[in-house]
Structure formats: C-alpha cells, structure tokens
Amino acid sequence: MSAIPTMAFNLRSSKFRHVYGVPAKKNQCYECINITKNAHDSNFCTVNPKFVAVVTECAGGGSFLVLPIEKTGRQEINVPKVTGHKGVVLDVKWNPFNDNIIASCSEDCTVKLWFIPDGGLRSNLNDWIMDLHGHERRVASLEWHPTAENILLSAGFDYKIIVWNVGKGEVVNEIECHTDTIYSMSFNRTGSLLATTCKDKKIRIIEPRTGEVCKEGLGHQGSKSTKVVFMGDHGKLLTTGFSRMSERQLAIWDQNDLSKPLKLDIIDSSSGILIPHYDYDTNIVYIAGKGDGNIRYYELVNSAPYIHYLSEYKSSAPQRGLGTMPKRGLDVMRCEVTRFYKLHIVKGIVEPIAMVVPRKSEQFQSDIFPDTAGTLPAISADEWAQGIDKAPNLMSLKVGGQKKTHKPQVYRPGENPLDSRNLSNMKFKFVQEETKGADYSEKSSASSTNVVRKNLENRKRMEESRGGETEDISDGRLPKRKTVDMDNIADIPESELRKAYFEQLEEIRFLMDQVSLKDRRIQQLEDELKTR
C-alpha cells in the first residue's frame, strides 16, 4: 500500500490573527441622536477620551453635537449643540494635543475652532474662538498636523488646501496644485509630507510648507471618491477606490514611485465608498464602507505581498461613518487595540465597537501596546514652518502615560488665542490638569453605588453654590428648588424664567443619570446571579 502524501501548510504567525469586534451593550450606546443625512464622504464623527462629537441634521445652518464620553444612553431632544455655522457642517476633528478644542468646516466656506468645557455644553454654543476665512467655496475636510502644535489643514471645493497656524489665525501656505475636487489627505508620521487623492484620479505627495509636488501618479480609475493613508514609517501608501467596472479596490504604493501600485486587490462590487483607518502601533488597517454593516481589517508588512487579510466584523446595521478613539483612551487591560464609534444610518444611534486581541492573562501586554503618540506636541507651529520635523512625543500605555491634556481657560480679547508656548501673549492658557472625562490608565474601581453617591454630593454642592435651598440627598432624593408662580408669570423677569428653565433641565438630566446608573446596577446584579 502506497503512503498517503502529506501536505505542508505554511501558516503565517501574527499576534493579531484572532482580533474580533465587540459591540457595546444598549446602555453603553448613545441613543436618540439626529445624525446627519448628508451624502458627503466624511465620517461625521470624531472622538477623544473626553468627548464624542457627531454632525447632526438641522433645518437651517449647520450644527454638531458634543457629548461627554461617559454620557451614554438616551439623549434629550433639546440637548445643547454647537450651532455657529451658517451652512451644513461637513467635517469635525479634535485637536490631538488639546481635548477641549475641536475644529469644524462647513458649506459656509469657513473653518471654525470651538472650546468645549469639561462636562460638556449647558446651552447651544455659537461663540467660536477662531473663525478662519480663505476658501471661496465650501470646505470639505480637515486634518491636524500629527506633531506640530496648532497646524491645521483644510481642503475645499475650490481645489485648494490651506495650511493654517490657528494659534495666530494666519495662513502658512496655500496649496493650489490640484485641478479638481480633493477627496482626501493624509500626513506621514512626522508631518513632513502630505498625500492627497483627487477627482482627476491622481495621487500626489506634497511638501506642505512649500506646496511642491514631490511625486505624482495615476490612481484608481473609477469615478467615485478615493481615499489615501500613509502606512506609518513603511514608506508606502494605502488607497481605496473603484475600478472602471465599479469594483471596490485596495492598493499599496511605494511613496517614491507612484507609476504603478505594488499590490492591487479587488474587494467586492458594492457601491459604498471605502474609508481606511490606519493604526500605526499595530500596523493594522481597518476598512469600512459607507452603507456597509461590516469592517474588514488587514495587517500591513514591509515585504511582498505587503498586506494580509485578518478577519471581518459583521453587522446587519449599515453605518454612515466611524469615529476612532485615540490609543490613550482605550482599555488596555481588556486588550482593546482600537475602538470605533459607529453612526447608524437607520436608527439615531452611536454604537461603540471595541476591537480586542484575545489574551488569557490580565497583565499589561507590552507586545501589542508599544509606546504611542502622546498629548504633547513635538514642535511649535513656527518651528515647523521653518522646516523642522520631529517624530511624535511618545507615552507609555502601561501606566496610562500622561493623564493630562492642555486645557484652555478664559481669555481676554486682543491676546494670542492658542499658542501655549508664548505664555505672555496668550488668549488661552494651556494648563496641566487631571482629565475628568476618562481614565487613561486603568479600570475604575468605584462601584455603581459610589458613583451614585458622588453624583448626589456634586448635585448638593451645586445647589448650595447657587444659594438655593437643599435637603439631605443621601437617600437619592432631589433637592428643593424655587417654584414659579404660573398665575403671575407675566410679571416675572425673563432672567428668572430662564434660570428656572435651566434648573428644570438639570433636574431632568439628574433623573436620567440616576435611572441609567440603576439600570447598570441591575444588570451587574443579574450578571452576578447568572455566574453563581
């Protein structure tokens, strides 16, 4: 009897072969949000360890919602929004070095910067801290510099990219090499080069300080939008787009030779635009299609074939966009390597999705959590404009790195608004304080009971600071407030009515928080009973 031949299987070893997605439970989602229905190809969502911001639908002008990251559950119908734009908001991005500053761009041809106080908004915000005018048509997308402070790029439908120094409100450079609509832009690791894709089907690598086109090549040949990201320090680019036959494609390019791709793969024949999200620390790229319910993820390597398919997170609910949490906001003890905030198309829900590496040990896993980009800029805006490039300042995730971010305080008009290095001429002082919105280092050990007690104590202090009457609220009861005489409402000053209105809003928020905390406690007790 002849021997049965054996087959040799060459399985590639990878720490991320079994990464899987974990959707959040209902009480950890953000519900009742009127998410924008705009067909623009941005993500409409941006996240940091303090806040989640979502572009919302509105009848006139433009607005977006900013919620504290811990304020999950059902949202009020009249929740405060940022409402200063006169046209529809097309993109929003948080400052990487300041968790309280967010930039927005709109169809009103402006870029605006906003300060969001810790704890979120108490009323609609229409008072910006910087209003940047320079585009002649609507502004489509924004991109912060990864290492230089206060450098912001905006791309408009006037075929221009404007490089702003937002600390001074000045234009550093205008890049006018594009001949059609700019689809996307991406900085390399140090911010010395900028990659763009355009409706003219070309990929360009540009020196952003001078506007010089370093390399140029023909990209995807389809008529729909294409996206590009730098692959870290690999010297390569990743693009997504469409073929002439409307097949969705993924391509890898050498940044020194854009004449042809190193690798070109067909993904499928769906119609939604593919948006890549690259994780520098793990070399994983997540690709999500607008209108899709799934997220594909690949591992990138330096040698051929350059990209390896890992797996796919599947869901029946289509997505309008994804926000990505910075690494310092992740739960590293859970081995969470990425967290997305998914905007549902059909329902007004923002759903967190954690991408987790399965590990049995509860210790810190240094092999999957290397030092990551921190909260301090490596160089100033002026140093970058003079030609200096530096790698990002890194922080360790093992001890949570720096739990502090730059936070501006109240300013005096006529002073420099955002430059944290010039302390004598500041409109805002960037101070080092404990971050209240999130714990970057470890899981909180406080129980739900302690959280309830803390909220009640804070409520009592707030009422006492107002001079209002208070009761002992240790039993969870609301403090007394002054009532409004409805029979003589016409004689009551408008200021008093407004004060009573906001007091009622606060009471409603307080009650909703208590209901949410009790629901969580009930769920915890049910889980404990199931495990016994």
Protein backbone atom coordinates (compact mmCIF):
# COMPACT_ATOMS: atom_id res chain seq x y z
CA MET A 1 0.00 0.00 0.00
CA SER A 2 1.41 3.36 -1.04
CA ALA A 3 1.88 6.03 1.57
CA ILE A 4 -0.62 8.86 1.65
CA PRO A 5 1.16 12.12 0.76
CA THR A 6 1.08 14.82 3.40
CA MET A 7 0.53 18.49 2.63
CA ALA A 8 2.57 21.21 4.27
CA PHE A 9 0.61 24.27 5.38
CA ASN A 10 2.57 27.47 5.82
CA LEU A 11 0.53 29.36 8.38
CA ARG A 12 1.70 32.91 8.90
CA SER A 13 2.35 33.82 12.52
CA SER A 14 0.70 37.02 13.74
CA LYS A 15 -0.33 38.44 17.10
CA PHE A 16 -3.46 39.86 15.50
CA ARG A 17 -4.84 36.86 13.63
CA HIS A 18 -7.74 36.49 16.05
CA VAL A 19 -8.72 40.12 16.63
CA TYR A 20 -12.51 40.34 16.97
CA GLY A 21 -15.08 43.10 17.33
CA VAL A 22 -17.25 43.54 20.43
CA PRO A 23 -20.29 45.82 20.05
CA ALA A 24 -21.34 47.76 23.14
CA LYS A 25 -24.47 46.90 25.07
CA LYS A 26 -27.50 49.09 24.61
CA ASN A 27 -26.94 51.07 27.81
CA GLN A 28 -23.40 51.91 26.63
CA CYS A 29 -24.57 53.37 23.30
CA TYR A 30 -25.70 56.93 22.57
CA GLU A 31 -29.36 56.93 21.51
CA CYS A 32 -31.87 59.42 20.09
CA ILE A 33 -29.27 61.38 18.10
CA ASN A 34 -30.46 63.09 14.93
CA ILE A 35 -27.45 62.05 12.81
CA THR A 36 -26.91 63.99 9.60
CA LYS A 37 -28.24 62.50 6.37
CA ASN A 38 -25.73 64.39 4.22
CA ALA A 39 -24.21 62.34 1.38
CA HIS A 40 -20.72 63.83 1.85
CA ASP A 41 -17.97 61.20 2.18
CA SER A 42 -16.55 62.19 5.60
CA ASN A 43 -17.03 60.24 8.83
CA PHE A 44 -19.25 62.88 10.53
CA CYS A 45 -17.87 61.74 13.90
CA THR A 46 -14.73 62.42 15.92
CA VAL A 47 -13.79 61.10 19.37
CA ASN A 48 -11.24 61.71 22.11
CA PRO A 49 -11.00 60.43 25.71
CA LYS A 50 -13.31 63.22 26.93
CA PHE A 51 -15.95 63.76 24.24
CA VAL A 52 -17.70 62.29 21.23
CA ALA A 53 -18.79 64.76 18.53
CA VAL A 54 -21.40 63.92 15.87
CA VAL A 55 -22.64 66.08 12.98
CA THR A 56 -26.42 66.41 13.24
CA GLU A 57 -29.30 67.15 10.90
CA CYS A 58 -30.80 70.62 11.15
CA ALA A 59 -33.28 72.73 9.21
CA GLY A 60 -31.11 75.81 8.69
CA GLY A 61 -27.37 76.40 9.04
CA GLY A 62 -25.18 73.66 10.45
CA SER A 63 -24.70 72.06 13.85
CA PHE A 64 -22.95 69.21 15.60
CA LEU A 65 -23.45 67.54 18.94
CA VAL A 66 -20.73 67.17 21.59
CA LEU A 67 -21.34 64.72 24.44
CA PRO A 68 -19.11 63.72 27.37
CA ILE A 69 -17.77 60.26 26.60
CA GLU A 70 -19.44 58.80 29.71
CA LYS A 71 -22.89 60.28 28.96
CA THR A 72 -24.36 57.19 27.30
CA GLY A 73 -27.99 56.18 26.96
CA ARG A 74 -30.94 58.15 25.63
CA GLN A 75 -30.22 61.81 24.90
CA GLU A 76 -32.65 64.67 25.39
CA ILE A 77 -34.38 66.07 22.33
CA ASN A 78 -33.14 69.57 23.20
CA VAL A 79 -29.57 68.60 24.11
CA PRO A 80 -27.22 71.59 23.54
CA LYS A 81 -25.31 71.71 20.23
CA VAL A 82 -22.60 73.74 18.54
CA THR A 83 -24.62 75.94 16.20
CA GLY A 84 -22.36 78.72 14.90
CA HIS A 85 -22.10 77.71 11.21
CA LYS A 86 -24.42 79.23 8.60
CA GLY A 87 -24.13 76.20 6.33
CA VAL A 88 -24.15 72.42 6.72
CA VAL A 89 -21.18 71.07 8.70
CA LEU A 90 -19.13 68.66 6.57
CA ASP A 91 -16.28 67.58 8.87
CA VAL A 92 -15.16 67.84 12.51
CA LYS A 93 -11.78 66.96 14.08
CA TRP A 94 -10.49 67.15 17.67
CA ASN A 95 -7.14 68.82 18.32
CA PRO A 96 -4.71 65.92 19.09
CA PHE A 97 -2.95 67.99 21.79
CA ASN A 98 -5.98 69.55 23.44
CA ASP A 99 -9.05 67.51 24.33
CA ASN A 100 -11.21 70.63 24.67
CA ILE A 101 -10.58 72.18 21.22
CA ILE A 102 -12.48 70.99 18.13
CA ALA A 103 -12.30 72.25 14.54
CA SER A 104 -15.22 72.20 12.12
CA CYS A 105 -15.69 73.09 8.45
CA SER A 106 -18.86 73.86 6.58
CA GLU A 107 -20.64 74.76 3.39
CA ASP A 108 -20.47 78.40 4.54
CA CYS A 109 -16.81 78.39 3.31
CA THR A 110 -15.36 78.81 6.82
CA VAL A 111 -13.29 76.81 9.31
CA LYS A 112 -14.10 77.44 12.96
CA LEU A 113 -12.48 76.40 16.25
CA TRP A 114 -14.52 75.84 19.39
CA PHE A 115 -13.74 75.40 23.07
CA ILE A 116 -15.81 72.69 24.80
CA PRO A 117 -15.71 72.95 28.61
CA ASP A 118 -15.20 69.88 30.78
CA GLY A 119 -18.57 68.29 31.47
CA GLY A 120 -20.00 69.29 28.09
CA LEU A 121 -22.26 72.12 26.96
CA ARG A 122 -25.02 73.62 29.11
CA SER A 123 -26.59 75.59 26.24
CA ASN A 124 -26.19 75.96 22.48
CA LEU A 125 -22.71 77.20 21.60
CA ASN A 126 -22.39 79.76 18.83
CA ASP A 127 -19.37 81.68 20.12
CA TRP A 128 -16.26 80.34 18.35
CA ILE A 129 -12.69 81.04 19.45
CA MET A 130 -11.32 81.27 15.89
CA ASP A 131 -13.06 81.94 12.56
CA LEU A 132 -10.86 81.23 9.53
CA HIS A 133 -11.77 82.63 6.12
CA GLY A 134 -9.81 81.80 2.97
CA HIS A 135 -11.80 79.33 0.89
CA GLU A 136 -14.02 80.57 -1.91
CA ARG A 137 -16.26 77.50 -1.92
CA ARG A 138 -17.45 75.02 0.71
CA VAL A 139 -14.79 73.37 2.87
CA ALA A 140 -14.88 69.57 2.63
CA SER A 141 -12.32 68.14 5.08
CA LEU A 142 -9.86 68.91 7.87
CA GLU A 143 -6.58 67.38 9.06
CA TRP A 144 -4.48 68.28 12.13
CA HIS A 145 -0.69 68.02 11.96
CA PRO A 146 0.46 64.93 13.92
CA THR A 147 3.45 66.52 15.70
CA ALA A 148 3.32 70.34 15.35
CA GLU A 149 1.10 72.41 17.60
CA ASN A 150 -1.72 74.50 16.08
CA ILE A 151 -1.14 73.46 12.44
CA LEU A 152 -4.44 72.64 10.71
CA LEU A 153 -5.12 71.83 7.04
CA SER A 154 -8.43 72.45 5.29
CA ALA A 155 -9.40 71.22 1.80
CA GLY A 156 -12.18 72.95 -0.11
CA PHE A 157 -14.20 72.57 -3.27
CA ASP A 158 -12.19 75.50 -4.68
CA TYR A 159 -9.41 72.90 -5.30
CA LYS A 160 -7.22 74.48 -2.60
CA ILE A 161 -5.62 73.17 0.58
CA ILE A 162 -4.91 75.91 3.11
CA VAL A 163 -2.30 75.37 5.85
CA TRP A 164 -3.36 77.37 8.92
CA ASN A 165 -1.50 78.42 12.04
CA VAL A 166 -4.60 78.54 14.24
CA GLY A 167 -2.63 79.96 17.17
CA LYS A 168 -2.28 83.20 15.24
CA GLY A 169 -5.19 82.85 12.81
CA GLU A 170 -2.76 83.10 9.89
CA VAL A 171 -2.28 81.25 6.61
CA VAL A 172 1.07 79.42 6.46
CA ASN A 173 0.64 78.29 2.85
CA GLU A 174 -1.94 77.69 0.14
CA ILE A 175 -1.52 74.50 -1.92
CA GLU A 176 -3.02 75.00 -5.38
CA CYS A 177 -1.65 72.07 -7.38
CA HIS A 178 -4.98 70.24 -7.72
CA THR A 179 -7.15 70.59 -10.81
CA ASP A 180 -10.36 69.14 -9.38
CA THR A 181 -12.14 68.24 -6.13
CA ILE A 182 -9.83 66.97 -3.38
CA TYR A 183 -11.13 63.69 -1.95
CA SER A 184 -8.76 63.04 0.98
CA MET A 185 -5.45 63.97 2.57
CA SER A 186 -3.09 62.24 4.98
CA PHE A 187 0.14 63.24 6.79
CA ASN A 188 3.07 60.89 7.22
CA ARG A 189 4.33 60.09 10.73
CA THR A 190 6.40 63.27 11.18
CA GLY A 191 4.13 65.56 9.16
CA SER A 192 6.83 66.38 6.59
CA LEU A 193 4.80 65.03 3.65
CA LEU A 194 1.14 65.17 2.68
CA ALA A 195 -0.58 62.60 0.44
CA THR A 196 -3.79 63.54 -1.40
CA THR A 197 -6.31 61.95 -3.76
CA CYS A 198 -8.30 63.96 -6.26
CA LYS A 199 -11.20 63.71 -8.69
CA ASP A 200 -8.67 63.90 -11.54
CA LYS A 201 -7.75 60.29 -10.48
CA LYS A 202 -4.22 61.28 -9.43
CA ILE A 203 -2.35 60.54 -6.21
CA ARG A 204 0.04 63.29 -5.10
CA ILE A 205 2.71 63.51 -2.43
CA ILE A 206 3.23 67.16 -1.49
CA GLU A 207 5.66 69.14 0.67
CA PRO A 208 3.01 71.05 2.69
CA ARG A 209 5.19 74.03 3.64
CA THR A 210 6.01 74.94 0.05
CA GLY A 211 3.20 73.26 -1.92
CA GLU A 212 5.73 71.48 -4.14
CA VAL A 213 4.51 68.19 -5.64
CA CYS A 214 7.22 65.62 -4.83
CA LYS A 215 5.60 62.62 -6.55
CA GLU A 216 2.51 62.15 -8.68
CA GLY A 217 0.85 59.12 -10.22
CA LEU A 218 -2.39 57.81 -11.66
CA GLY A 219 -4.56 56.09 -9.07
CA HIS A 220 -7.87 54.24 -9.20
CA GLN A 221 -9.75 54.67 -12.47
CA GLY A 222 -13.32 54.68 -11.13
CA SER A 223 -15.43 57.81 -10.96
CA LYS A 224 -16.22 57.65 -7.22
CA SER A 225 -14.24 59.01 -4.31
CA THR A 226 -10.83 57.54 -3.40
CA LYS A 227 -9.07 57.70 -0.02
CA VAL A 228 -5.40 57.57 0.98
CA VAL A 229 -3.41 56.98 4.20
CA PHE A 230 0.32 56.83 4.87
CA MET A 231 1.48 53.44 6.17
CA GLY A 232 3.48 54.80 9.09
CA ASP A 233 7.25 54.63 8.56
CA HIS A 234 6.99 51.96 5.87
CA GLY A 235 7.49 54.44 3.03
CA LYS A 236 4.26 53.27 1.46
CA LEU A 237 0.70 54.47 0.86
CA LEU A 238 -2.60 52.63 1.03
CA THR A 239 -5.51 53.76 -1.14
CA THR A 240 -9.09 52.63 -1.58
CA GLY A 241 -11.20 53.38 -4.64
CA PHE A 242 -13.06 51.94 -7.61
CA SER A 243 -12.16 50.38 -10.93
CA ARG A 244 -13.68 51.34 -14.28
CA MET A 245 -16.16 48.48 -13.73
CA SER A 246 -17.15 50.00 -10.34
CA GLU A 247 -15.40 47.26 -8.35
CA ARG A 248 -14.10 48.36 -4.97
CA GLN A 249 -10.31 48.19 -4.82
CA LEU A 250 -7.46 48.31 -2.32
CA ALA A 251 -3.95 49.28 -3.45
CA ILE A 252 -0.46 49.60 -1.92
CA TRP A 253 2.00 52.15 -3.37
CA ASP A 254 5.69 52.98 -2.93
CA GLN A 255 5.82 56.67 -1.96
CA ASN A 256 8.95 57.11 -4.13
CA ASP A 257 7.33 55.60 -7.24
CA LEU A 258 3.64 56.19 -7.94
CA SER A 259 3.77 54.95 -11.54
CA LYS A 260 2.12 51.64 -10.61
CA PRO A 261 0.87 50.02 -7.40
CA LEU A 262 2.91 47.39 -5.56
CA LYS A 263 -0.31 45.46 -4.99
CA LEU A 264 -3.86 45.89 -6.24
CA ASP A 265 -6.75 43.81 -4.89
CA ILE A 266 -10.46 43.77 -5.74
CA ILE A 267 -12.58 43.68 -2.57
CA ASP A 268 -16.14 43.41 -3.90
CA SER A 269 -18.68 45.12 -6.16
CA SER A 270 -20.63 47.14 -3.60
CA SER A 271 -21.31 50.82 -4.18
CA GLY A 272 -20.33 52.41 -0.83
CA ILE A 273 -17.14 54.45 -0.55
CA LEU A 274 -14.38 52.68 1.41
CA ILE A 275 -12.71 54.68 4.20
CA PRO A 276 -9.43 53.31 5.66
CA HIS A 277 -8.48 53.75 9.34
CA TYR A 278 -4.78 53.02 9.93
CA ASP A 279 -3.37 52.07 13.35
CA TYR A 280 0.34 52.91 13.42
CA ASP A 281 1.08 50.96 16.63
CA THR A 282 -0.23 47.60 15.37
CA ASN A 283 0.16 48.11 11.57
CA ILE A 284 -3.48 47.16 11.12
CA VAL A 285 -5.71 48.99 8.67
CA TYR A 286 -9.48 48.84 9.17
CA ILE A 287 -11.59 49.43 6.07
CA ALA A 288 -15.24 50.40 6.44
CA GLY A 289 -17.64 51.12 3.61
CA LYS A 290 -20.36 53.75 3.81
CA GLY A 291 -23.66 51.91 3.85
CA ASP A 292 -21.94 48.63 4.79
CA GLY A 293 -22.50 46.82 8.06
CA ASN A 294 -19.05 45.26 8.19
CA ILE A 295 -15.48 46.35 8.95
CA ARG A 296 -12.63 44.48 7.26
CA TYR A 297 -9.16 44.58 8.76
CA TYR A 298 -5.73 43.76 7.34
CA GLU A 299 -2.19 43.61 8.69
CA LEU A 300 0.46 45.53 6.77
CA VAL A 301 4.06 44.32 6.37
CA ASN A 302 7.21 45.68 4.70
CA SER A 303 7.73 42.89 2.17
CA ALA A 304 5.53 41.39 -0.55
CA PRO A 305 2.59 40.82 -0.55
CA TYR A 306 2.59 43.89 1.80
CA ILE A 307 -0.91 43.24 3.18
CA HIS A 308 -2.56 40.21 4.81
CA TYR A 309 -6.28 39.80 5.39
CA LEU A 310 -7.08 39.14 9.07
CA SER A 311 -10.83 39.00 9.54
CA GLU A 312 -14.08 40.93 9.33
CA TYR A 313 -16.50 42.40 11.84
CA LYS A 314 -20.03 41.81 10.55
CA SER A 315 -23.24 43.57 11.43
CA SER A 316 -26.67 43.88 9.84
CA ALA A 317 -26.90 47.61 10.66
CA PRO A 318 -25.39 49.85 7.95
CA GLN A 319 -23.03 52.65 9.00
CA ARG A 320 -22.83 56.30 7.94
CA GLY A 321 -19.39 56.84 9.41
CA LEU A 322 -16.91 55.81 12.10
CA GLY A 323 -15.11 57.79 14.76
CA THR A 324 -11.83 56.38 16.12
CA MET A 325 -10.71 56.67 19.75
CA PRO A 326 -7.02 57.64 20.28
CA LYS A 327 -4.90 54.94 21.91
CA ARG A 328 -4.69 56.78 25.24
CA GLY A 329 -8.46 56.40 25.62
CA LEU A 330 -8.56 52.60 25.24
CA ASP A 331 -8.99 49.93 27.90
CA VAL A 332 -5.57 48.25 27.65
CA MET A 333 -6.30 45.75 30.42
CA ARG A 334 -9.07 44.41 28.21
CA CYS A 335 -6.53 44.16 25.32
CA GLU A 336 -8.60 46.66 23.35
CA VAL A 337 -6.41 47.76 20.42
CA THR A 338 -8.98 50.00 18.70
CA ARG A 339 -12.42 51.38 19.43
CA PHE A 340 -14.79 52.71 16.80
CA TYR A 341 -17.92 54.79 17.27
CA LYS A 342 -20.35 53.69 14.59
CA LEU A 343 -23.05 56.03 13.30
CA HIS A 344 -26.12 54.01 12.38
CA ILE A 345 -27.93 55.06 9.22
CA VAL A 346 -31.44 53.87 10.08
CA LYS A 347 -31.50 54.47 13.84
CA GLY A 348 -30.20 57.53 15.63
CA ILE A 349 -27.59 55.51 17.50
CA VAL A 350 -23.85 55.90 18.02
CA GLU A 351 -22.53 52.44 18.90
CA PRO A 352 -19.03 51.85 20.34
CA ILE A 353 -17.29 48.79 18.83
CA ALA A 354 -14.15 47.51 20.60
CA MET A 355 -11.54 45.57 18.59
CA VAL A 356 -9.99 43.12 21.05
CA VAL A 357 -6.98 40.78 20.95
CA PRO A 358 -7.93 37.61 22.87
CA ARG A 359 -5.49 37.07 25.75
CA LYS A 360 -5.98 34.98 28.89
CA SER A 361 -3.62 36.99 31.05
CA GLU A 362 -4.94 40.07 32.83
CA GLN A 363 -1.48 41.70 32.86
CA PHE A 364 -0.43 44.57 30.59
CA GLN A 365 0.50 43.20 27.15
CA SER A 366 3.55 45.21 26.06
CA ASP A 367 3.87 43.36 22.73
CA ILE A 368 0.56 44.74 21.45
CA PHE A 369 0.73 48.10 23.23
CA PRO A 370 4.03 49.84 22.35
CA ASP A 371 4.60 53.45 23.31
CA THR A 372 2.10 55.58 21.42
CA ALA A 373 1.73 59.23 20.38
CA GLY A 374 1.19 61.37 23.46
CA THR A 375 -0.59 64.61 24.28
CA LEU A 376 2.38 66.98 23.98
CA PRO A 377 3.40 68.45 20.61
CA ALA A 378 6.96 67.76 19.45
CA ILE A 379 7.47 71.20 17.86
CA SER A 380 5.73 74.57 17.66
CA ALA A 381 3.94 75.89 14.59
CA ASP A 382 6.74 78.38 13.90
CA GLU A 383 9.42 75.69 14.14
CA TRP A 384 7.53 73.51 11.68
CA ALA A 385 7.06 76.42 9.26
CA GLN A 386 10.84 76.98 9.36
CA GLY A 387 11.45 73.42 8.11
CA ILE A 388 11.94 71.45 11.33
CA ASP A 389 10.46 67.92 11.51
CA LYS A 390 10.30 65.70 14.56
CA ALA A 391 8.74 62.37 15.43
CA PRO A 392 5.82 62.44 17.89
CA ASN A 393 6.44 62.56 21.62
CA LEU A 394 5.58 59.10 22.91
CA MET A 395 3.82 57.95 26.06
CA SER A 396 3.55 54.56 27.72
CA LEU A 397 0.15 52.92 27.99
CA LYS A 398 1.27 50.66 30.84
CA VAL A 399 0.84 53.38 33.45
CA GLY A 400 -1.60 55.41 31.39
CA GLY A 401 1.09 57.79 30.18
CA GLN A 402 0.17 61.38 30.87
CA LYS A 403 -3.32 61.66 32.29
CA LYS A 404 -3.22 65.34 31.49
CA THR A 405 -4.02 67.35 28.40
CA HIS A 406 -3.66 71.03 27.61
CA LYS A 407 -6.83 72.78 28.63
CA PRO A 408 -7.56 76.44 27.85
CA GLN A 409 -9.03 78.84 30.36
CA VAL A 410 -10.99 82.07 29.96
CA TYR A 411 -9.21 84.57 27.73
CA ARG A 412 -9.07 88.34 27.39
CA PRO A 413 -9.87 89.80 23.95
CA GLY A 414 -6.96 91.04 21.88
CA GLU A 415 -4.48 88.41 23.12
CA ASN A 416 -2.99 85.49 21.24
CA PRO A 417 -5.60 82.71 21.37
CA LEU A 418 -3.96 79.32 21.11
CA ASP A 419 -0.15 79.34 21.28
CA SER A 420 0.73 77.53 24.51
CA ARG A 421 4.45 78.29 24.22
CA ASN A 422 4.06 82.07 24.37
CA LEU A 423 2.71 82.41 27.91
CA SER A 424 2.89 86.20 27.97
CA ASN A 425 0.68 86.68 24.90
CA MET A 426 -1.94 84.01 25.32
CA LYS A 427 -5.64 84.15 24.71
CA PHE A 428 -5.82 80.73 26.38
CA LYS A 429 -3.51 79.23 28.96
CA PHE A 430 -2.92 75.57 28.37
CA VAL A 431 -2.63 74.02 31.82
CA GLN A 432 -1.84 70.54 33.02
CA GLU A 433 -4.79 69.12 34.91
CA GLU A 434 -6.29 65.76 35.60
CA THR A 435 -8.53 64.62 32.79
CA LYS A 436 -12.05 64.33 34.19
CA GLY A 437 -13.75 62.72 31.22
CA ALA A 438 -11.80 59.45 31.11
CA ASP A 439 -9.27 57.36 33.00
CA TYR A 440 -6.40 56.53 30.62
CA SER A 441 -4.50 54.18 32.89
CA GLU A 442 -6.66 51.53 34.47
CA LYS A 443 -10.19 50.45 35.13
CA SER A 444 -12.02 52.45 37.74
CA SER A 445 -12.52 50.52 40.95
CA ALA A 446 -15.50 52.54 42.09
CA SER A 447 -18.77 50.69 42.28
CA SER A 448 -22.07 51.95 40.93
CA THR A 449 -23.11 52.85 44.48
CA ASN A 450 -20.08 55.09 44.91
CA VAL A 451 -20.79 56.76 41.57
CA VAL A 452 -24.38 57.48 42.61
CA ARG A 453 -23.23 58.92 45.94
CA LYS A 454 -20.64 61.10 44.20
CA ASN A 455 -23.23 62.44 41.77
CA LEU A 456 -25.58 63.27 44.62
CA GLU A 457 -22.85 65.09 46.54
CA ASN A 458 -21.90 67.09 43.46
CA ARG A 459 -25.55 67.97 42.97
CA LYS A 460 -25.81 69.20 46.55
CA ARG A 461 -22.68 71.36 46.23
CA MET A 462 -24.00 72.85 43.00
CA GLU A 463 -27.30 73.82 44.62
CA GLU A 464 -25.55 75.30 47.67
CA SER A 465 -23.28 77.40 45.44
CA ARG A 466 -26.42 78.89 43.89
CA GLY A 467 -27.82 79.83 47.23
CA GLY A 468 -30.85 77.62 46.72
CA GLU A 469 -32.50 75.54 49.41
CA THR A 470 -31.21 72.00 49.74
CA GLU A 471 -32.12 68.87 51.60
CA ASP A 472 -30.21 65.85 52.67
CA ILE A 473 -29.89 63.96 49.39
CA SER A 474 -28.04 60.91 50.64
CA ASP A 475 -31.18 58.89 50.01
CA GLY A 476 -31.22 59.81 46.33
CA ARG A 477 -33.95 62.47 46.52
CA LEU A 478 -33.74 65.67 44.52
CA PRO A 479 -33.09 68.95 46.38
CA LYS A 480 -35.82 71.52 46.57
CA ARG A 481 -35.87 74.34 44.07
CA LYS A 482 -37.83 77.53 43.90
CA THR A 483 -41.11 77.15 42.08
CA VAL A 484 -42.51 79.58 39.51
CA ASP A 485 -45.90 81.17 40.19
CA MET A 486 -47.74 80.38 36.94
CA ASP A 487 -50.61 82.79 37.79
CA ASN A 488 -48.25 85.79 37.75
CA ILE A 489 -45.83 84.54 35.08
CA ALA A 490 -46.22 87.75 33.03
CA ASP A 491 -44.72 89.76 35.92
CA ILE A 492 -41.67 87.52 36.34
CA PRO A 493 -38.43 88.85 34.75
CA GLU A 494 -37.08 86.94 31.76
CA SER A 495 -33.82 86.18 33.60
CA GLU A 496 -35.77 84.41 36.38
CA LEU A 497 -37.73 82.35 33.85
CA ARG A 498 -34.54 81.37 32.05
CA LYS A 499 -32.95 80.37 35.34
CA ALA A 500 -35.96 78.23 36.24
CA TYR A 501 -35.87 76.64 32.78
CA PHE A 502 -32.24 75.60 33.10
CA GLU A 503 -32.83 74.32 36.63
CA GLN A 504 -35.56 72.07 35.29
CA LEU A 505 -33.24 70.83 32.55
CA GLU A 506 -30.60 69.98 35.13
CA GLU A 507 -33.15 68.10 37.21
CA ILE A 508 -34.21 66.10 34.16
CA ARG A 509 -30.56 65.27 33.40
CA PHE A 510 -30.04 64.29 37.01
CA LEU A 511 -33.03 61.92 36.98
CA MET A 512 -31.92 60.38 33.69
CA ASP A 513 -28.45 59.77 35.15
CA GLN A 514 -29.96 58.08 38.18
CA VAL A 515 -32.14 55.82 36.02
CA SER A 516 -29.13 54.91 33.88
CA LEU A 517 -26.99 54.09 36.93
CA LYS A 518 -29.75 51.98 38.47
CA ASP A 519 -30.16 50.07 35.19
CA ARG A 520 -26.43 49.36 35.17
CA ARG A 521 -26.54 48.18 38.78
CA ILE A 522 -29.48 45.90 37.98
CA GLN A 523 -27.55 44.48 35.03
CA GLN A 524 -24.50 43.89 37.24
CA LEU A 525 -26.59 42.04 39.81
CA GLU A 526 -28.24 39.92 37.10
CA ASP A 527 -24.80 39.02 35.71
CA GLU A 528 -23.61 38.06 39.20
CA LEU A 529 -26.64 35.81 39.70
CA LYS A 530 -26.02 34.10 36.36
CA THR A 531 -22.40 33.31 37.27
CA ARG A 532 -23.32 31.74 40.62
